Amino acid sequence: MFAKEFLLNKLKVFSVWLVLVFLGFVLASCLPKTGHISWQATDDVEVDIANGFLHPGFNYYYCGPEAIPHTIIGLHKDVPFQQNFWLPAQYGQTQVKEWLQAIDNPHRPVNDMYFGGRLLDRKGNFLGIWYSKHHFYSGYLDGEGKLVILRPVESEKRNLMDFIFN
């Protein structure tokens, strides 16, 4: 009888430790990657864009339809960038200015409001700008030091299945 209770207690302790280790792995996988970047909302980006000012030292990329992208990013030319699904603005600032004129259409639906922000590395260094009708999701520096910016996700589609399958 004593041996049976002793084994059951050991099994319970082992089970608790196993669950704690599993939870530790789950929590560790949720932590940001080493080179995590952040997004900082600022009116400066929106004002610059509204005034047609585009940084000459930036490369511009977009995500979404080419006619009117849902997201435009501008990154310092010296920031190595892994484009993945981001497409370069083929005609540079000229193309971006045309997009901004189309985006600034007063007949556009209210739910298509664009907002701007700054992209910052972990040390707070300014990497570039974000202008989108979607919220910034995440970005990081990969093992080779290249910036990776994940595809923006519409706020109403932000659930686990969309993150997994998109």
C-alpha atoms as a PDB file:
ATOM      1  CA  MET A   1       0.000   0.000   0.000  1.00  0.00           C
ATOM      2  CA  PHE A   2       2.787   2.415   0.973  1.00  0.00           C
ATOM      3  CA  ALA A   3       4.694   1.699  -2.274  1.00  0.00           C
ATOM      4  CA  LYS A   4       1.566   2.316  -4.347  1.00  0.00           C
ATOM      5  CA  GLU A   5       0.960   5.737  -2.704  1.00  0.00           C
ATOM      6  CA  PHE A   6       4.639   6.585  -3.060  1.00  0.00           C
ATOM      7  CA  LEU A   7       4.517   5.819  -6.809  1.00  0.00           C
ATOM      8  CA  LEU A   8       1.288   7.803  -7.257  1.00  0.00           C
ATOM      9  CA  ASN A   9       2.840  10.825  -5.522  1.00  0.00           C
ATOM     10  CA  LYS A  10       5.955  10.554  -7.709  1.00  0.00           C
ATOM     11  CA  LEU A  11       3.724  10.319 -10.805  1.00  0.00           C
ATOM     12  CA  LYS A  12       1.795  13.437  -9.735  1.00  0.00           C
ATOM     13  CA  VAL A  13       5.019  15.382  -9.156  1.00  0.00           C
ATOM     14  CA  PHE A  14       6.377  14.228 -12.518  1.00  0.00           C
ATOM     15  CA  SER A  15       3.120  15.243 -14.239  1.00  0.00           C
ATOM     16  CA  VAL A  16       3.233  18.700 -12.668  1.00  0.00           C
ATOM     17  CA  TRP A  17       6.857  19.153 -13.784  1.00  0.00           C
ATOM     18  CA  LEU A  18       5.981  17.957 -17.286  1.00  0.00           C
ATOM     19  CA  VAL A  19       3.126  20.481 -17.522  1.00  0.00           C
ATOM     20  CA  LEU A  20       5.380  23.281 -16.228  1.00  0.00           C
ATOM     21  CA  VAL A  21       8.094  22.446 -18.771  1.00  0.00           C
ATOM     22  CA  PHE A  22       5.494  22.395 -21.560  1.00  0.00           C
ATOM     23  CA  LEU A  23       4.129  25.785 -20.452  1.00  0.00           C
ATOM     24  CA  GLY A  24       7.684  27.121 -20.346  1.00  0.00           C
ATOM     25  CA  PHE A  25       8.231  26.105 -23.955  1.00  0.00           C
ATOM     26  CA  VAL A  26       4.922  27.658 -25.002  1.00  0.00           C
ATOM     27  CA  LEU A  27       5.726  30.936 -23.271  1.00  0.00           C
ATOM     28  CA  ALA A  28       9.264  30.997 -24.678  1.00  0.00           C
ATOM     29  CA  SER A  29       7.907  30.547 -28.206  1.00  0.00           C
ATOM     30  CA  CYS A  30       5.707  33.610 -27.712  1.00  0.00           C
ATOM     31  CA  LEU A  31       8.609  35.879 -26.799  1.00  0.00           C
ATOM     32  CA  PRO A  32       9.844  38.240 -29.495  1.00  0.00           C
ATOM     33  CA  LYS A  33      12.767  37.132 -31.602  1.00  0.00           C
ATOM     34  CA  THR A  34      16.194  38.503 -30.731  1.00  0.00           C
ATOM     35  CA  GLY A  35      16.049  41.388 -33.182  1.00  0.00           C
ATOM     36  CA  HIS A  36      12.403  42.317 -32.664  1.00  0.00           C
ATOM     37  CA  ILE A  37      11.373  45.694 -34.083  1.00  0.00           C
ATOM     38  CA  SER A  38       8.564  47.914 -32.928  1.00  0.00           C
ATOM     39  CA  TRP A  39       6.082  50.334 -34.385  1.00  0.00           C
ATOM     40  CA  GLN A  40       5.535  53.774 -32.873  1.00  0.00           C
ATOM     41  CA  ALA A  41       2.479  55.774 -33.903  1.00  0.00           C
ATOM     42  CA  THR A  42       3.324  59.339 -34.829  1.00  0.00           C
ATOM     43  CA  ASP A  43       1.590  62.193 -36.596  1.00  0.00           C
ATOM     44  CA  ASP A  44       4.913  63.197 -38.185  1.00  0.00           C
ATOM     45  CA  VAL A  45       4.667  60.421 -40.770  1.00  0.00           C
ATOM     46  CA  GLU A  46       1.104  61.359 -41.677  1.00  0.00           C
ATOM     47  CA  VAL A  47       1.991  65.062 -41.932  1.00  0.00           C
ATOM     48  CA  ASP A  48       5.032  64.318 -44.135  1.00  0.00           C
ATOM     49  CA  ILE A  49       2.964  62.107 -46.407  1.00  0.00           C
ATOM     50  CA  ALA A  50       0.083  64.608 -46.577  1.00  0.00           C
ATOM     51  CA  ASN A  51       2.593  67.282 -47.615  1.00  0.00           C
ATOM     52  CA  GLY A  52       4.104  64.993 -50.234  1.00  0.00           C
ATOM     53  CA  PHE A  53       7.447  64.725 -48.473  1.00  0.00           C
ATOM     54  CA  LEU A  54       9.140  61.399 -49.056  1.00  0.00           C
ATOM     55  CA  HIS A  55      12.547  60.644 -47.620  1.00  0.00           C
ATOM     56  CA  PRO A  56      15.081  60.608 -50.489  1.00  0.00           C
ATOM     57  CA  GLY A  57      17.290  58.109 -48.632  1.00  0.00           C
ATOM     58  CA  PHE A  58      14.528  55.497 -48.437  1.00  0.00           C
ATOM     59  CA  ASN A  59      13.542  52.511 -50.532  1.00  0.00           C
ATOM     60  CA  TYR A  60       9.768  52.110 -50.723  1.00  0.00           C
ATOM     61  CA  TYR A  61       7.810  48.851 -50.751  1.00  0.00           C
ATOM     62  CA  TYR A  62       4.144  48.026 -50.751  1.00  0.00           C
ATOM     63  CA  CYS A  63       1.719  45.257 -49.892  1.00  0.00           C
ATOM     64  CA  GLY A  64      -1.719  44.821 -51.417  1.00  0.00           C
ATOM     65  CA  PRO A  65      -3.111  45.870 -54.789  1.00  0.00           C
ATOM     66  CA  GLU A  66      -0.698  47.791 -56.988  1.00  0.00           C
ATOM     67  CA  ALA A  67      -3.305  50.458 -57.828  1.00  0.00           C
ATOM     68  CA  ILE A  68      -3.883  51.412 -54.184  1.00  0.00           C
ATOM     69  CA  PRO A  69      -1.773  49.367 -51.752  1.00  0.00           C
ATOM     70  CA  HIS A  70      -3.113  48.856 -48.266  1.00  0.00           C
ATOM     71  CA  THR A  71       0.387  49.289 -46.800  1.00  0.00           C
ATOM     72  CA  ILE A  72       3.422  51.325 -47.849  1.00  0.00           C
ATOM     73  CA  ILE A  73       6.737  51.120 -46.026  1.00  0.00           C
ATOM     74  CA  GLY A  74       9.815  53.247 -46.510  1.00  0.00           C
ATOM     75  CA  LEU A  75      13.129  51.940 -45.212  1.00  0.00           C
ATOM     76  CA  HIS A  76      16.556  53.529 -45.004  1.00  0.00           C
ATOM     77  CA  LYS A  77      18.565  52.368 -48.023  1.00  0.00           C
ATOM     78  CA  ASP A  78      21.267  50.995 -45.727  1.00  0.00           C
ATOM     79  CA  VAL A  79      18.810  48.641 -43.939  1.00  0.00           C
ATOM     80  CA  PRO A  80      19.111  45.140 -45.455  1.00  0.00           C
ATOM     81  CA  PHE A  81      15.552  43.963 -46.142  1.00  0.00           C
ATOM     82  CA  GLN A  82      14.139  40.518 -46.823  1.00  0.00           C
ATOM     83  CA  GLN A  83      11.263  41.406 -49.121  1.00  0.00           C
ATOM     84  CA  ASN A  84       9.256  38.159 -48.949  1.00  0.00           C
ATOM     85  CA  PHE A  85       5.832  39.317 -50.197  1.00  0.00           C
ATOM     86  CA  TRP A  86       6.691  43.051 -50.134  1.00  0.00           C
ATOM     87  CA  LEU A  87       7.006  44.485 -53.621  1.00  0.00           C
ATOM     88  CA  PRO A  88       9.348  47.371 -54.420  1.00  0.00           C
ATOM     89  CA  ALA A  89       7.860  50.627 -55.675  1.00  0.00           C
ATOM     90  CA  GLN A  90       9.213  50.255 -59.211  1.00  0.00           C
ATOM     91  CA  TYR A  91       9.173  53.943 -59.988  1.00  0.00           C
ATOM     92  CA  GLY A  92      10.299  55.056 -56.547  1.00  0.00           C
ATOM     93  CA  GLN A  93       8.962  58.290 -55.172  1.00  0.00           C
ATOM     94  CA  THR A  94       6.905  59.031 -58.282  1.00  0.00           C
ATOM     95  CA  GLN A  95       4.892  55.865 -57.802  1.00  0.00           C
ATOM     96  CA  VAL A  96       4.490  56.458 -54.075  1.00  0.00           C
ATOM     97  CA  LYS A  97       3.215  59.998 -54.689  1.00  0.00           C
ATOM     98  CA  GLU A  98       0.634  58.642 -57.161  1.00  0.00           C
ATOM     99  CA  TRP A  99      -0.514  56.122 -54.551  1.00  0.00           C
ATOM    100  CA  LEU A 100      -0.812  58.830 -51.926  1.00  0.00           C
ATOM    101  CA  GLN A 101      -2.980  60.940 -54.240  1.00  0.00           C
ATOM    102  CA  ALA A 102      -5.291  57.944 -54.778  1.00  0.00           C
ATOM    103  CA  ILE A 103      -5.323  57.150 -51.049  1.00  0.00           C
ATOM    104  CA  ASP A 104      -6.162  60.779 -50.196  1.00  0.00           C
ATOM    105  CA  ASN A 105      -9.467  60.505 -52.063  1.00  0.00           C
ATOM    106  CA  PRO A 106     -12.261  62.215 -50.055  1.00  0.00           C
ATOM    107  CA  HIS A 107     -14.760  59.634 -51.395  1.00  0.00           C
ATOM    108  CA  ARG A 108     -12.856  56.732 -49.847  1.00  0.00           C
ATOM    109  CA  PRO A 109     -14.844  54.833 -47.176  1.00  0.00           C
ATOM    110  CA  VAL A 110     -14.244  55.927 -43.586  1.00  0.00           C
ATOM    111  CA  ASN A 111     -13.083  52.419 -42.620  1.00  0.00           C
ATOM    112  CA  ASP A 112     -10.172  52.806 -45.061  1.00  0.00           C
ATOM    113  CA  MET A 113      -8.370  55.420 -42.981  1.00  0.00           C
ATOM    114  CA  TYR A 114      -4.595  55.200 -43.240  1.00  0.00           C
ATOM    115  CA  PHE A 115      -2.270  56.011 -40.376  1.00  0.00           C
ATOM    116  CA  GLY A 116       1.467  56.316 -40.041  1.00  0.00           C
ATOM    117  CA  GLY A 117       4.182  55.260 -37.720  1.00  0.00           C
ATOM    118  CA  ARG A 118       7.899  54.833 -37.294  1.00  0.00           C
ATOM    119  CA  LEU A 119       9.667  51.474 -37.416  1.00  0.00           C
ATOM    120  CA  LEU A 120      12.292  51.201 -34.688  1.00  0.00           C
ATOM    121  CA  ASP A 121      14.809  48.518 -33.832  1.00  0.00           C
ATOM    122  CA  ARG A 122      15.217  47.202 -30.297  1.00  0.00           C
ATOM    123  CA  LYS A 123      17.670  49.992 -29.441  1.00  0.00           C
ATOM    124  CA  GLY A 124      15.211  52.654 -30.632  1.00  0.00           C
ATOM    125  CA  ASN A 125      17.060  53.425 -33.895  1.00  0.00           C
ATOM    126  CA  PHE A 126      14.806  54.724 -36.673  1.00  0.00           C
ATOM    127  CA  LEU A 127      14.600  52.184 -39.525  1.00  0.00           C
ATOM    128  CA  GLY A 128      11.803  53.654 -41.630  1.00  0.00           C
ATOM    129  CA  ILE A 129       8.110  54.452 -41.869  1.00  0.00           C
ATOM    130  CA  TRP A 130       4.858  52.512 -42.005  1.00  0.00           C
ATOM    131  CA  TYR A 131       1.725  53.922 -43.673  1.00  0.00           C
ATOM    132  CA  SER A 132      -1.291  51.650 -43.780  1.00  0.00           C
ATOM    133  CA  LYS A 133      -4.952  51.089 -43.144  1.00  0.00           C
ATOM    134  CA  HIS A 134      -3.910  47.977 -41.191  1.00  0.00           C
ATOM    135  CA  HIS A 135      -2.106  47.739 -37.886  1.00  0.00           C
ATOM    136  CA  PHE A 136       1.552  46.827 -37.761  1.00  0.00           C
ATOM    137  CA  TYR A 137       1.849  43.204 -36.655  1.00  0.00           C
ATOM    138  CA  SER A 138       5.487  42.277 -36.208  1.00  0.00           C
ATOM    139  CA  GLY A 139       8.976  42.445 -37.579  1.00  0.00           C
ATOM    140  CA  TYR A 140      12.426  41.269 -36.622  1.00  0.00           C
ATOM    141  CA  LEU A 141      16.030  41.037 -37.728  1.00  0.00           C
ATOM    142  CA  ASP A 142      16.779  37.519 -38.965  1.00  0.00           C
ATOM    143  CA  GLY A 143      19.978  35.567 -38.327  1.00  0.00           C
ATOM    144  CA  GLU A 144      21.693  37.303 -41.261  1.00  0.00           C
ATOM    145  CA  GLY A 145      20.793  40.766 -39.974  1.00  0.00           C
ATOM    146  CA  LYS A 146      18.101  41.350 -42.606  1.00  0.00           C
ATOM    147  CA  LEU A 147      14.926  43.122 -41.602  1.00  0.00           C
ATOM    148  CA  VAL A 148      11.806  40.965 -41.942  1.00  0.00           C
ATOM    149  CA  ILE A 149       8.421  42.673 -41.688  1.00  0.00           C
ATOM    150  CA  LEU A 150       5.454  40.356 -41.442  1.00  0.00           C
ATOM    151  CA  ARG A 151       2.391  40.937 -43.546  1.00  0.00           C
ATOM    152  CA  PRO A 152      -0.126  43.301 -41.935  1.00  0.00           C
ATOM    153  CA  VAL A 153      -3.336  41.703 -40.717  1.00  0.00           C
ATOM    154  CA  GLU A 154      -6.737  43.347 -40.855  1.00  0.00           C
ATOM    155  CA  SER A 155      -7.854  43.964 -37.277  1.00  0.00           C
ATOM    156  CA  GLU A 156     -11.116  42.055 -37.732  1.00  0.00           C
ATOM    157  CA  LYS A 157      -9.167  39.007 -38.936  1.00  0.00           C
ATOM    158  CA  ARG A 158      -6.744  38.920 -36.018  1.00  0.00           C
ATOM    159  CA  ASN A 159      -7.278  35.474 -34.607  1.00  0.00           C
ATOM    160  CA  LEU A 160      -5.091  32.434 -34.250  1.00  0.00           C
ATOM    161  CA  MET A 161      -6.277  30.650 -37.403  1.00  0.00           C
ATOM    162  CA  ASP A 162      -5.544  33.671 -39.603  1.00  0.00           C
ATOM    163  CA  PHE A 163      -2.029  33.979 -38.168  1.00  0.00           C
ATOM    164  CA  ILE A 164      -1.407  30.293 -38.793  1.00  0.00           C
ATOM    165  CA  PHE A 165      -2.831  30.043 -42.308  1.00  0.00           C
ATOM    166  CA  ASN A 166      -1.943  33.463 -43.756  1.00  0.00           C
END
